[in-house]
PDB file of N, CA and C in Angstrom:
ATOM      1  N   MET A   1       0.739   7.061 -12.612  1.00  0.00           N
ATOM      2  CA  MET A   1       1.307   6.302 -10.895  1.00  0.00           C
ATOM      3  C   MET A   1       2.854   5.647 -11.581  1.00  0.00           C
ATOM      4  N   LYS A   2       3.374   5.836 -10.695  1.00  0.00           N
ATOM      5  CA  LYS A   2       5.151   5.389 -10.783  1.00  0.00           C
ATOM      6  C   LYS A   2       5.468   4.430  -9.765  1.00  0.00           C
ATOM      7  N   VAL A   3       5.450   3.658  -9.852  1.00  0.00           N
ATOM      8  CA  VAL A   3       5.645   2.741  -8.216  1.00  0.00           C
ATOM      9  C   VAL A   3       7.062   2.578  -7.997  1.00  0.00           C
ATOM     10  N   VAL A   4       8.232   2.798  -7.184  1.00  0.00           N
ATOM     11  CA  VAL A   4       9.651   2.420  -7.154  1.00  0.00           C
ATOM     12  C   VAL A   4       9.838   1.459  -5.789  1.00  0.00           C
ATOM     13  N   ASN A   5      10.905   0.556  -5.249  1.00  0.00           N
ATOM     14  CA  ASN A   5      11.378  -0.117  -4.480  1.00  0.00           C
ATOM     15  C   ASN A   5      10.089  -0.914  -3.691  1.00  0.00           C
ATOM     16  N   CYS A   6       9.488  -1.292  -4.727  1.00  0.00           N
ATOM     17  CA  CYS A   6       8.274  -2.402  -4.547  1.00  0.00           C
ATOM     18  C   CYS A   6       8.922  -3.937  -3.317  1.00  0.00           C
ATOM     19  N   LEU A   7       8.234  -4.298  -2.500  1.00  0.00           N
ATOM     20  CA  LEU A   7       8.474  -5.572  -2.057  1.00  0.00           C
ATOM     21  C   LEU A   7       7.296  -6.772  -2.145  1.00  0.00           C
ATOM     22  N   ILE A   8       7.759  -7.689  -3.374  1.00  0.00           N
ATOM     23  CA  ILE A   8       6.656  -8.331  -3.601  1.00  0.00           C
ATOM     24  C   ILE A   8       5.999  -9.498  -3.111  1.00  0.00           C
ATOM     25  N   GLN A   9       4.971  -9.604  -2.867  1.00  0.00           N
ATOM     26  CA  GLN A   9       4.858 -11.366  -1.271  1.00  0.00           C
ATOM     27  C   GLN A   9       4.635 -11.939  -2.605  1.00  0.00           C
ATOM     28  N   ASN A  10       4.641 -13.581  -2.090  1.00  0.00           N
ATOM     29  CA  ASN A  10       4.228 -14.517  -2.710  1.00  0.00           C
ATOM     30  C   ASN A  10       2.866 -14.280  -2.873  1.00  0.00           C
ATOM     31  N   GLY A  11       2.405 -14.355  -3.594  1.00  0.00           N
ATOM     32  CA  GLY A  11       0.890 -14.739  -4.552  1.00  0.00           C
ATOM     33  C   GLY A  11       0.557 -15.188  -5.460  1.00  0.00           C
ATOM     34  N   PRO A  12      -0.710 -14.837  -5.735  1.00  0.00           N
ATOM     35  CA  PRO A  12      -1.107 -15.760  -7.135  1.00  0.00           C
ATOM     36  C   PRO A  12      -0.708 -15.150  -9.147  1.00  0.00           C
ATOM     37  N   TYR A  13       0.701 -14.945  -8.354  1.00  0.00           N
ATOM     38  CA  TYR A  13       1.573 -14.669 -10.136  1.00  0.00           C
ATOM     39  C   TYR A  13       2.505 -15.041 -10.555  1.00  0.00           C
ATOM     40  N   LYS A  14       2.201 -16.223 -11.095  1.00  0.00           N
ATOM     41  CA  LYS A  14       3.336 -16.828 -11.466  1.00  0.00           C
ATOM     42  C   LYS A  14       3.204 -16.742 -13.363  1.00  0.00           C
ATOM     43  N   SER A  15       2.047 -16.187 -14.137  1.00  0.00           N
ATOM     44  CA  SER A  15       2.006 -16.156 -15.474  1.00  0.00           C
ATOM     45  C   SER A  15       2.297 -14.712 -16.001  1.00  0.00           C
ATOM     46  N   GLU A  16       2.522 -14.868 -17.153  1.00  0.00           N
ATOM     47  CA  GLU A  16       3.051 -13.176 -17.961  1.00  0.00           C
ATOM     48  C   GLU A  16       3.253 -11.942 -17.397  1.00  0.00           C
ATOM     49  N   TYR A  17       3.815 -12.671 -15.967  1.00  0.00           N
ATOM     50  CA  TYR A  17       4.690 -11.004 -15.268  1.00  0.00           C
ATOM     51  C   TYR A  17       3.722 -10.542 -14.387  1.00  0.00           C
ATOM     52  N   ARG A  18       2.672 -10.620 -14.587  1.00  0.00           N
ATOM     53  CA  ARG A  18       1.620  -9.669 -13.844  1.00  0.00           C
ATOM     54  C   ARG A  18       1.554  -9.452 -12.742  1.00  0.00           C
ATOM     55  N   HIS A  19       1.520  -9.071 -12.124  1.00  0.00           N
ATOM     56  CA  HIS A  19       1.503  -8.271 -10.570  1.00  0.00           C
ATOM     57  C   HIS A  19       0.238  -7.525 -10.691  1.00  0.00           C
ATOM     58  N   THR A  20      -0.886  -7.143  -9.711  1.00  0.00           N
ATOM     59  CA  THR A  20      -2.078  -6.517  -9.762  1.00  0.00           C
ATOM     60  C   THR A  20      -1.735  -5.605  -8.180  1.00  0.00           C
ATOM     61  N   LEU A  21      -2.281  -4.570  -8.140  1.00  0.00           N
ATOM     62  CA  LEU A  21      -2.589  -3.607  -6.897  1.00  0.00           C
ATOM     63  C   LEU A  21      -3.597  -2.674  -6.703  1.00  0.00           C
ATOM     64  N   PHE A  22      -3.856  -2.506  -5.286  1.00  0.00           N
ATOM     65  CA  PHE A  22      -5.583  -1.840  -5.609  1.00  0.00           C
ATOM     66  C   PHE A  22      -4.622  -0.521  -4.929  1.00  0.00           C
ATOM     67  N   LEU A  23      -5.154   0.815  -5.001  1.00  0.00           N
ATOM     68  CA  LEU A  23      -4.805   1.688  -4.370  1.00  0.00           C
ATOM     69  C   LEU A  23      -6.005   2.183  -3.795  1.00  0.00           C
ATOM     70  N   LYS A  24      -5.996   2.740  -3.013  1.00  0.00           N
ATOM     71  CA  LYS A  24      -6.699   4.003  -2.021  1.00  0.00           C
ATOM     72  C   LYS A  24      -6.540   4.851  -1.860  1.00  0.00           C
ATOM     73  N   ILE A  25      -6.924   5.838  -1.783  1.00  0.00           N
ATOM     74  CA  ILE A  25      -6.541   6.990  -0.849  1.00  0.00           C
ATOM     75  C   ILE A  25      -7.352   8.274  -0.877  1.00  0.00           C
ATOM     76  N   THR A  26      -7.496   8.204   0.960  1.00  0.00           N
ATOM     77  CA  THR A  26      -8.666   8.948   1.364  1.00  0.00           C
ATOM     78  C   THR A  26      -8.273  10.575   2.462  1.00  0.00           C
ATOM     79  N   ASN A  27      -8.249  11.712   1.611  1.00  0.00           N
ATOM     80  CA  ASN A  27      -8.051  13.269   2.488  1.00  0.00           C
ATOM     81  C   ASN A  27      -8.977  12.864   3.303  1.00  0.00           C
ATOM     82  N   LEU A  28      -8.459  13.069   4.348  1.00  0.00           N
ATOM     83  CA  LEU A  28      -9.165  13.510   5.739  1.00  0.00           C
ATOM     84  C   LEU A  28      -9.322  15.022   5.815  1.00  0.00           C
ATOM     85  N   ASP A  29      -8.044  15.612   5.959  1.00  0.00           N
ATOM     86  CA  ASP A  29      -8.323  17.094   5.776  1.00  0.00           C
ATOM     87  C   ASP A  29      -6.864  17.546   4.683  1.00  0.00           C
ATOM     88  N   GLY A  30      -6.823  18.563   5.144  1.00  0.00           N
ATOM     89  CA  GLY A  30      -5.972  19.392   4.103  1.00  0.00           C
ATOM     90  C   GLY A  30      -4.475  18.874   3.971  1.00  0.00           C
ATOM     91  N   GLN A  31      -3.764  18.627   6.120  1.00  0.00           N
ATOM     92  CA  GLN A  31      -2.600  17.672   5.844  1.00  0.00           C
ATOM     93  C   GLN A  31      -2.609  16.016   6.185  1.00  0.00           C
ATOM     94  N   THR A  32      -3.719  15.821   5.984  1.00  0.00           N
ATOM     95  CA  THR A  32      -4.158  14.252   6.276  1.00  0.00           C
ATOM     96  C   THR A  32      -4.233  13.635   5.519  1.00  0.00           C
ATOM     97  N   GLN A  33      -3.610  12.505   5.152  1.00  0.00           N
ATOM     98  CA  GLN A  33      -4.448  11.680   4.175  1.00  0.00           C
ATOM     99  C   GLN A  33      -3.735   9.734   4.696  1.00  0.00           C
ATOM    100  N   TYR A  34      -4.919   9.102   4.058  1.00  0.00           N
ATOM    101  CA  TYR A  34      -4.377   7.439   4.362  1.00  0.00           C
ATOM    102  C   TYR A  34      -4.530   6.800   3.238  1.00  0.00           C
ATOM    103  N   GLN A  35      -3.407   5.682   3.027  1.00  0.00           N
ATOM    104  CA  GLN A  35      -3.430   5.287   2.032  1.00  0.00           C
ATOM    105  C   GLN A  35      -3.551   3.652   2.434  1.00  0.00           C
ATOM    106  N   THR A  36      -4.371   3.511   1.357  1.00  0.00           N
ATOM    107  CA  THR A  36      -4.466   1.722   1.655  1.00  0.00           C
ATOM    108  C   THR A  36      -4.324   1.068   0.486  1.00  0.00           C
ATOM    109  N   VAL A  37      -3.305  -0.060  -0.111  1.00  0.00           N
ATOM    110  CA  VAL A  37      -3.056  -0.997  -0.964  1.00  0.00           C
ATOM    111  C   VAL A  37      -3.290  -2.397  -0.751  1.00  0.00           C
ATOM    112  N   TYR A  38      -3.906  -2.928  -1.308  1.00  0.00           N
ATOM    113  CA  TYR A  38      -4.271  -4.306  -1.095  1.00  0.00           C
ATOM    114  C   TYR A  38      -3.360  -5.060  -1.999  1.00  0.00           C
ATOM    115  N   GLU A  39      -2.682  -5.901  -2.451  1.00  0.00           N
ATOM    116  CA  GLU A  39      -1.652  -6.751  -2.944  1.00  0.00           C
ATOM    117  C   GLU A  39      -2.195  -8.168  -2.949  1.00  0.00           C
ATOM    118  N   GLY A  40      -3.141  -8.819  -3.733  1.00  0.00           N
ATOM    119  CA  GLY A  40      -3.679 -10.055  -3.167  1.00  0.00           C
ATOM    120  C   GLY A  40      -4.398 -10.005  -2.395  1.00  0.00           C
ATOM    121  N   ASP A  41      -4.363 -11.045  -1.492  1.00  0.00           N
ATOM    122  CA  ASP A  41      -4.876 -11.194  -0.252  1.00  0.00           C
ATOM    123  C   ASP A  41      -4.261 -10.120   0.960  1.00  0.00           C
ATOM    124  N   ASN A  42      -3.103  -9.767   0.942  1.00  0.00           N
ATOM    125  CA  ASN A  42      -2.441  -8.796   1.523  1.00  0.00           C
ATOM    126  C   ASN A  42      -2.853  -7.589   1.359  1.00  0.00           C
ATOM    127  N   LEU A  43      -3.434  -6.406   2.668  1.00  0.00           N
ATOM    128  CA  LEU A  43      -3.594  -5.316   2.840  1.00  0.00           C
ATOM    129  C   LEU A  43      -2.873  -4.557   3.569  1.00  0.00           C
ATOM    130  N   TYR A  44      -2.279  -3.479   2.968  1.00  0.00           N
ATOM    131  CA  TYR A  44      -0.906  -2.947   3.839  1.00  0.00           C
ATOM    132  C   TYR A  44      -1.624  -1.131   3.955  1.00  0.00           C
ATOM    133  N   GLY A  45      -1.439  -0.157   4.724  1.00  0.00           N
ATOM    134  CA  GLY A  45      -1.905   1.057   5.251  1.00  0.00           C
ATOM    135  C   GLY A  45      -0.540   1.871   5.560  1.00  0.00           C
ATOM    136  N   ARG A  46      -1.032   3.159   5.278  1.00  0.00           N
ATOM    137  CA  ARG A  46      -0.398   3.975   6.329  1.00  0.00           C
ATOM    138  C   ARG A  46      -1.139   5.788   6.086  1.00  0.00           C
ATOM    139  N   LYS A  47      -1.065   5.903   7.698  1.00  0.00           N
ATOM    140  CA  LYS A  47      -1.672   7.479   8.025  1.00  0.00           C
ATOM    141  C   LYS A  47      -0.357   8.475   7.339  1.00  0.00           C
ATOM    142  N   LEU A  48      -0.566   9.740   6.261  1.00  0.00           N
ATOM    143  CA  LEU A  48      -0.034  10.356   5.854  1.00  0.00           C
ATOM    144  C   LEU A  48      -0.064  11.589   6.732  1.00  0.00           C
ATOM    145  N   TYR A  49       0.581  12.276   7.305  1.00  0.00           N
ATOM    146  CA  TYR A  49       0.509  13.769   8.274  1.00  0.00           C
ATOM    147  C   TYR A  49       1.910  14.082   7.318  1.00  0.00           C
ATOM    148  N   ASN A  50       1.557  15.684   6.772  1.00  0.00           N
ATOM    149  CA  ASN A  50       2.210  16.557   5.584  1.00  0.00           C
ATOM    150  C   ASN A  50       2.728  15.937   5.106  1.00  0.00           C
ATOM    151  N   GLY A  51       2.662  14.678   4.205  1.00  0.00           N
ATOM    152  CA  GLY A  51       3.797  14.118   3.747  1.00  0.00           C
ATOM    153  C   GLY A  51       4.397  13.120   4.077  1.00  0.00           C
ATOM    154  N   SER A  52       4.333  12.790   5.038  1.00  0.00           N
ATOM    155  CA  SER A  52       5.110  11.714   6.014  1.00  0.00           C
ATOM    156  C   SER A  52       4.363  10.278   6.071  1.00  0.00           C
ATOM    157  N   GLY A  53       4.791   9.706   6.382  1.00  0.00           N
ATOM    158  CA  GLY A  53       4.191   8.449   6.993  1.00  0.00           C
ATOM    159  C   GLY A  53       4.455   6.850   7.091  1.00  0.00           C
ATOM    160  N   GLN A  54       4.188   6.277   8.462  1.00  0.00           N
ATOM    161  CA  GLN A  54       4.945   4.963   8.209  1.00  0.00           C
ATOM    162  C   GLN A  54       3.806   3.458   7.348  1.00  0.00           C
ATOM    163  N   TRP A  55       4.294   2.705   6.299  1.00  0.00           N
ATOM    164  CA  TRP A  55       3.401   1.722   6.068  1.00  0.00           C
ATOM    165  C   TRP A  55       3.468   0.486   7.369  1.00  0.00           C
ATOM    166  N   HIS A  56       2.079   0.346   7.257  1.00  0.00           N
ATOM    167  CA  HIS A  56       1.914  -1.212   7.913  1.00  0.00           C
ATOM    168  C   HIS A  56       1.084  -1.982   7.493  1.00  0.00           C
ATOM    169  N   LYS A  57       1.574  -3.100   8.181  1.00  0.00           N
ATOM    170  CA  LYS A  57       0.732  -4.424   7.388  1.00  0.00           C
ATOM    171  C   LYS A  57      -0.603  -4.211   8.094  1.00  0.00           C
ATOM    172  N   TYR A  58      -1.790  -5.435   7.924  1.00  0.00           N
ATOM    173  CA  TYR A  58      -3.132  -5.312   8.111  1.00  0.00           C
ATOM    174  C   TYR A  58      -2.763  -5.617   9.900  1.00  0.00           C
ATOM    175  N   THR A  59      -1.914  -5.968  10.111  1.00  0.00           N
ATOM    176  CA  THR A  59      -1.440  -6.231  11.891  1.00  0.00           C
ATOM    177  C   THR A  59      -1.352  -5.429  12.362  1.00  0.00           C
ATOM    178  N   ASN A  60      -1.173  -4.285  11.416  1.00  0.00           N
ATOM    179  CA  ASN A  60      -0.442  -3.134  11.947  1.00  0.00           C
ATOM    180  C   ASN A  60       1.124  -3.207  12.341  1.00  0.00           C
ATOM    181  N   THR A  61       1.505  -3.892  12.087  1.00  0.00           N
ATOM    182  CA  THR A  61       2.734  -4.275  12.183  1.00  0.00           C
ATOM    183  C   THR A  61       3.704  -3.256  11.188  1.00  0.00           C
ATOM    184  N   PRO A  62       4.659  -2.033  11.924  1.00  0.00           N
ATOM    185  CA  PRO A  62       5.641  -1.941  10.741  1.00  0.00           C
ATOM    186  C   PRO A  62       6.182  -2.075   9.198  1.00  0.00           C
ATOM    187  N   ILE A  63       6.315  -2.183   8.689  1.00  0.00           N
ATOM    188  CA  ILE A  63       7.080  -2.524   7.512  1.00  0.00           C
ATOM    189  C   ILE A  63       7.899  -1.508   6.594  1.00  0.00           C
TER     190      ILE A  63
END
């Protein structure tokens, strides 16, 4: 997987240049999927329809 245009939040990533992301993709039907990303204690999600959708923070704030 290739990750581009990343915004890295402050977190426990102070040594060895490591940054850990956890990605979960759930296919709801043929056109819709839901993606969630955990970054440390931060959770982001977006619902994709036909390949397009907006990322949101766990507070449902668009980013």
